[in-house]
Protein backbone atom coordinates (compact mmCIF):
# COMPACT_ATOMS: atom_id res chain seq x y z
CA MET A 1 -112.72 -74.09 120.78
CA GLY A 2 -109.92 -72.14 122.45
CA PRO A 3 -107.31 -70.10 120.55
CA THR A 4 -104.65 -72.80 120.73
CA ASP A 5 -106.86 -75.86 120.17
CA SER A 6 -106.52 -75.75 116.39
CA LEU A 7 -102.75 -75.95 116.83
CA LYS A 8 -102.97 -79.04 119.01
CA LYS A 9 -102.85 -82.38 117.22
CA SER A 10 -105.76 -84.77 117.45
CA ALA A 11 -106.02 -88.54 117.32
CA LEU A 12 -108.98 -90.68 116.36
CA VAL A 13 -108.95 -94.09 118.05
CA THR A 14 -111.58 -96.53 116.82
CA GLY A 15 -112.99 -99.02 119.29
CA ALA A 16 -111.61 -96.93 122.14
CA SER A 17 -114.23 -97.44 124.83
CA ARG A 18 -112.37 -100.33 126.48
CA GLY A 19 -109.43 -102.71 126.29
CA LEU A 20 -106.52 -101.82 124.05
CA GLY A 21 -108.36 -98.86 122.52
CA ARG A 22 -108.97 -97.27 125.90
CA ALA A 23 -105.31 -97.65 126.88
CA ILE A 24 -104.21 -96.19 123.54
CA ALA A 25 -106.56 -93.22 123.88
CA TRP A 26 -105.27 -92.47 127.38
CA ARG A 27 -101.63 -92.74 126.35
CA LEU A 28 -102.10 -90.43 123.37
CA HIS A 29 -103.83 -87.95 125.67
CA GLN A 30 -100.76 -88.08 127.89
CA GLU A 31 -98.66 -87.33 124.81
CA GLY A 32 -100.67 -84.14 124.26
CA TYR A 33 -103.28 -85.14 121.70
CA CYS A 34 -106.94 -84.24 121.64
CA ILE A 35 -108.76 -87.56 121.51
CA ALA A 36 -111.80 -88.82 119.61
CA VAL A 37 -113.06 -91.95 121.38
CA ASN A 38 -114.98 -94.01 118.86
CA HIS A 39 -117.40 -96.73 119.92
CA ARG A 40 -120.15 -98.74 118.25
CA ASN A 41 -122.59 -99.35 121.11
CA SER A 42 -120.69 -98.68 124.35
CA ALA A 43 -121.69 -95.09 125.09
CA ALA A 44 -121.24 -95.32 128.86
CA ASP A 45 -117.73 -96.78 128.56
CA ALA A 46 -116.74 -94.20 125.94
CA ASP A 47 -118.07 -91.36 128.09
CA ALA A 48 -116.01 -92.68 131.00
CA VAL A 49 -112.85 -92.45 128.89
CA VAL A 50 -113.75 -88.91 127.83
CA ASP A 51 -114.46 -87.89 131.43
CA LYS A 52 -111.11 -89.25 132.58
CA VAL A 53 -109.23 -87.34 129.88
CA CYS A 54 -111.09 -84.11 130.57
CA GLU A 55 -110.60 -84.43 134.32
CA ASP A 56 -106.87 -84.71 133.60
CA GLY A 57 -106.93 -81.44 131.70
CA GLY A 58 -107.21 -82.83 128.18
CA ARG A 59 -109.82 -82.58 125.45
CA ALA A 60 -111.81 -85.54 124.22
CA ILE A 61 -115.10 -86.43 122.59
CA ALA A 62 -117.04 -89.65 122.27
CA VAL A 63 -118.05 -90.51 118.70
CA GLN A 64 -120.55 -93.26 118.03
CA GLY A 65 -120.25 -95.11 114.75
CA ASP A 66 -119.86 -98.54 113.16
CA VAL A 67 -116.56 -98.72 111.26
CA SER A 68 -118.03 -101.31 108.88
CA GLU A 69 -120.54 -98.73 107.57
CA PRO A 70 -119.14 -96.22 105.04
CA GLU A 71 -121.47 -93.40 106.10
CA ASP A 72 -120.57 -93.90 109.76
CA VAL A 73 -116.85 -93.72 109.00
CA VAL A 74 -117.27 -90.39 107.20
CA ALA A 75 -119.34 -89.09 110.12
CA ILE A 76 -116.71 -90.23 112.65
CA PHE A 77 -113.98 -88.32 110.83
CA ASP A 78 -116.27 -85.31 110.35
CA ALA A 79 -117.06 -85.16 114.07
CA THR A 80 -113.38 -85.36 115.00
CA GLN A 81 -112.43 -82.65 112.55
CA GLU A 82 -115.30 -80.42 113.66
CA ALA A 83 -114.36 -80.78 117.32
CA PHE A 84 -110.61 -80.27 117.00
CA GLY A 85 -110.13 -78.58 113.63
CA ARG A 86 -107.96 -81.40 112.29
CA VAL A 87 -107.28 -85.14 112.36
CA ASP A 88 -103.59 -86.01 112.57
CA VAL A 89 -103.53 -89.61 113.79
CA LEU A 90 -105.76 -92.58 113.05
CA VAL A 91 -105.46 -95.64 115.25
CA ASN A 92 -107.36 -98.37 113.43
CA ASN A 93 -108.17 -100.44 116.51
CA ALA A 94 -111.84 -101.50 116.31
CA GLY A 95 -112.21 -105.23 115.93
CA VAL A 96 -113.94 -108.37 117.07
CA SER A 97 -112.33 -111.57 118.31
CA PRO A 98 -114.40 -114.74 118.70
CA ALA A 99 -113.59 -117.71 120.87
CA ARG A 100 -111.18 -120.13 119.21
CA GLU A 101 -112.87 -122.65 116.95
CA HIS A 102 -111.49 -125.00 114.33
CA ILE A 103 -112.33 -124.07 110.75
CA GLN A 104 -114.56 -127.12 110.23
CA ASN A 105 -116.81 -125.95 113.06
CA PHE A 106 -116.69 -122.19 112.45
CA ARG A 107 -120.07 -120.66 111.58
CA ALA A 108 -120.29 -118.75 108.30
CA GLU A 109 -122.19 -115.85 109.89
CA HIS A 110 -119.40 -115.40 112.45
CA PHE A 111 -116.85 -115.33 109.63
CA ASP A 112 -118.93 -112.65 107.89
CA GLU A 113 -118.87 -110.54 111.08
CA LEU A 114 -115.10 -110.88 111.33
CA LEU A 115 -114.65 -109.66 107.78
CA GLN A 116 -117.16 -106.83 108.20
CA VAL A 117 -115.45 -105.32 111.24
CA ASN A 118 -111.81 -106.43 111.08
CA LEU A 119 -111.28 -106.18 107.32
CA LYS A 120 -113.95 -103.95 105.80
CA GLY A 121 -113.82 -101.64 108.82
CA ALA A 122 -110.05 -101.37 108.52
CA PHE A 123 -110.36 -100.65 104.78
CA LEU A 124 -112.96 -97.91 105.24
CA CYS A 125 -110.96 -96.13 107.95
CA LEU A 126 -107.72 -96.40 105.98
CA ARG A 127 -109.47 -95.02 102.90
CA GLU A 128 -110.93 -92.06 104.75
CA ALA A 129 -107.63 -91.21 106.40
CA ALA A 130 -105.86 -91.41 103.04
CA ARG A 131 -108.37 -88.98 101.58
CA ARG A 132 -108.09 -86.46 104.41
CA PHE A 133 -104.67 -86.56 106.01
CA GLN A 134 -102.16 -83.80 105.45
CA GLU A 135 -98.36 -83.94 105.56
CA GLY A 136 -97.10 -85.41 108.82
CA GLY A 137 -100.15 -87.62 109.38
CA ARG A 138 -99.83 -90.95 111.13
CA ILE A 139 -101.92 -94.03 110.36
CA ILE A 140 -101.52 -96.97 112.73
CA SER A 141 -103.46 -100.23 112.43
CA ILE A 142 -103.76 -102.79 115.19
CA SER A 143 -103.24 -106.30 113.86
CA SER A 144 -102.40 -109.43 115.85
CA SER A 145 -99.48 -111.78 116.33
CA THR A 146 -101.87 -114.63 115.47
CA VAL A 147 -101.32 -113.69 111.81
CA ASN A 148 -97.95 -115.46 111.92
CA LEU A 149 -98.57 -118.12 114.57
CA ASP A 150 -100.79 -120.49 112.57
CA ALA A 151 -102.47 -121.46 115.82
CA PRO A 152 -105.27 -124.06 115.54
CA GLY A 153 -108.61 -122.42 116.25
CA ALA A 154 -107.47 -118.94 115.22
CA GLY A 155 -107.77 -119.33 111.45
CA PRO A 156 -110.68 -116.99 110.59
CA TYR A 157 -109.54 -114.30 113.04
CA ALA A 158 -105.95 -114.46 111.77
CA ALA A 159 -107.18 -114.25 108.19
CA SER A 160 -109.24 -111.13 108.91
CA LYS A 161 -106.30 -109.43 110.60
CA ALA A 162 -103.85 -110.51 107.90
CA GLY A 163 -106.01 -108.78 105.32
CA GLY A 164 -105.99 -105.53 107.28
CA GLU A 165 -102.25 -105.80 107.72
CA ARG A 166 -101.67 -106.08 103.97
CA LEU A 167 -103.96 -103.13 103.26
CA THR A 168 -101.96 -101.05 105.71
CA LYS A 169 -98.62 -101.96 104.17
CA ILE A 170 -99.81 -101.28 100.64
CA LEU A 171 -101.28 -97.92 101.66
CA ALA A 172 -97.84 -96.92 102.94
CA LYS A 173 -96.58 -97.20 99.36
CA GLU A 174 -99.63 -95.61 97.79
CA LEU A 175 -99.16 -92.47 99.89
CA ALA A 176 -95.58 -91.98 98.67
CA GLY A 177 -94.60 -88.33 98.46
CA ARG A 178 -97.14 -87.09 101.03
CA ASN A 179 -95.00 -87.56 104.16
CA ILE A 180 -97.65 -89.69 105.86
CA THR A 181 -96.48 -92.80 107.69
CA VAL A 182 -98.58 -95.96 107.73
CA ASN A 183 -97.64 -98.74 110.14
CA THR A 184 -99.02 -101.71 112.03
CA VAL A 185 -98.76 -102.83 115.64
CA ALA A 186 -99.20 -106.58 116.15
CA PRO A 187 -99.88 -107.39 119.81
CA GLY A 188 -99.70 -110.79 121.37
CA LEU A 189 -102.34 -111.82 123.88
CA ALA A 190 -102.91 -108.88 126.23
CA VAL A 191 -104.78 -108.68 129.52
CA THR A 192 -108.15 -107.32 128.37
CA ASP A 193 -111.71 -108.38 129.13
CA LEU A 194 -112.08 -109.53 125.51
CA ALA A 195 -108.96 -111.69 125.55
CA LEU A 196 -109.82 -113.24 128.89
CA SER A 197 -113.37 -114.02 127.78
CA THR A 198 -112.42 -115.63 124.44
CA ASN A 199 -109.52 -117.78 125.68
CA THR A 200 -109.68 -120.58 128.22
CA PRO A 201 -107.32 -120.58 131.22
CA GLU A 202 -105.46 -123.45 129.56
CA GLN A 203 -105.01 -121.47 126.34
CA ILE A 204 -103.78 -118.44 128.27
CA ALA A 205 -101.31 -120.59 130.22
CA GLN A 206 -100.02 -122.03 126.94
CA VAL A 207 -99.41 -118.55 125.52
CA VAL A 208 -97.53 -117.50 128.64
CA GLU A 209 -95.40 -120.66 128.44
CA LEU A 210 -94.51 -119.94 124.80
CA THR A 211 -93.65 -116.29 125.49
CA PRO A 212 -89.94 -115.75 126.32
CA LEU A 213 -90.79 -112.90 128.69
CA GLY A 214 -93.15 -115.22 130.55
CA ARG A 215 -96.27 -113.08 130.78
CA LEU A 216 -99.21 -111.71 128.85
CA GLY A 217 -98.97 -108.20 127.51
CA ASP A 218 -100.51 -105.23 129.26
CA PRO A 219 -102.67 -102.82 127.25
CA GLU A 220 -100.14 -100.16 128.20
CA ASP A 221 -97.41 -102.12 126.36
CA VAL A 222 -99.40 -101.80 123.14
CA ALA A 223 -100.30 -98.17 123.83
CA ALA A 224 -96.62 -97.30 124.23
CA ALA A 225 -95.83 -98.79 120.82
CA VAL A 226 -98.64 -96.80 119.22
CA ALA A 227 -97.47 -93.60 120.89
CA PHE A 228 -93.97 -94.20 119.54
CA LEU A 229 -95.19 -94.71 115.97
CA ALA A 230 -97.28 -91.54 116.27
CA SER A 231 -94.29 -89.52 117.46
CA ASP A 232 -91.66 -87.54 115.59
CA ASP A 233 -89.11 -90.18 116.67
CA ALA A 234 -90.78 -92.62 114.25
CA ALA A 235 -90.86 -90.22 111.29
CA PHE A 236 -88.75 -92.55 109.10
CA ILE A 237 -90.60 -95.75 109.98
CA ASN A 238 -93.13 -96.57 107.29
CA GLY A 239 -94.83 -99.75 106.10
CA ALA A 240 -93.57 -101.62 109.16
CA THR A 241 -95.18 -104.10 111.53
CA LEU A 242 -94.06 -103.74 115.14
CA SER A 243 -94.60 -106.92 117.15
CA VAL A 244 -95.53 -106.30 120.78
CA ASN A 245 -95.71 -109.85 122.08
CA GLY A 246 -92.83 -110.55 124.44
CA GLY A 247 -91.00 -112.60 121.80
CA LEU A 248 -93.86 -114.97 121.00
CA VAL A 249 -93.29 -116.42 117.52
């Protein structure tokens, strides 16, 4: 570790090996953060993100761990702190998104997986950040605009994300007096491999039609919102949900 590294802020992005997480990690690197790229079982993709950051003059590490496992979450934070001396920003991004399916046909084991990753994983990461973060920390959870859309076929996924969103908002109040902001970004459908693989072309076309700006989001749109909430410019924004969906309601 160089003499100035301990003075440089660091960000832990869960589920950062691809998709939205990868874009968020890259944007926060561009904003000057050291980056911990968490992944569950995508070592090659995570290493590619780290290599790109390092080739651009930044500092990054890949950290394997399952956010739904309490011991893994502690180890993920430990590794980030050991590498960079501090953890200043948590981006609670790791999640799973199944193909749309009506509730009557949704398999119970798939619902359990949604809750394990999207809700329990969010809880464990929020809890660990709350235990560790110092004054000026930033906690940002990635939710989804499906929480408020009541779209047929999205019920279990929306429920899992709604739970994480409420945890995030309540934590903002529980951390009163510590000068730590806790916010949520709620993207609409963005152009990622996951979104394109779990939505049919007809479903994607319908979303575009319902979006006033007439397009899907780019991962960079979401990353920009996260970077803003992590910045000093957002120091008085707390307990908020920022919709990044082109006006989709």
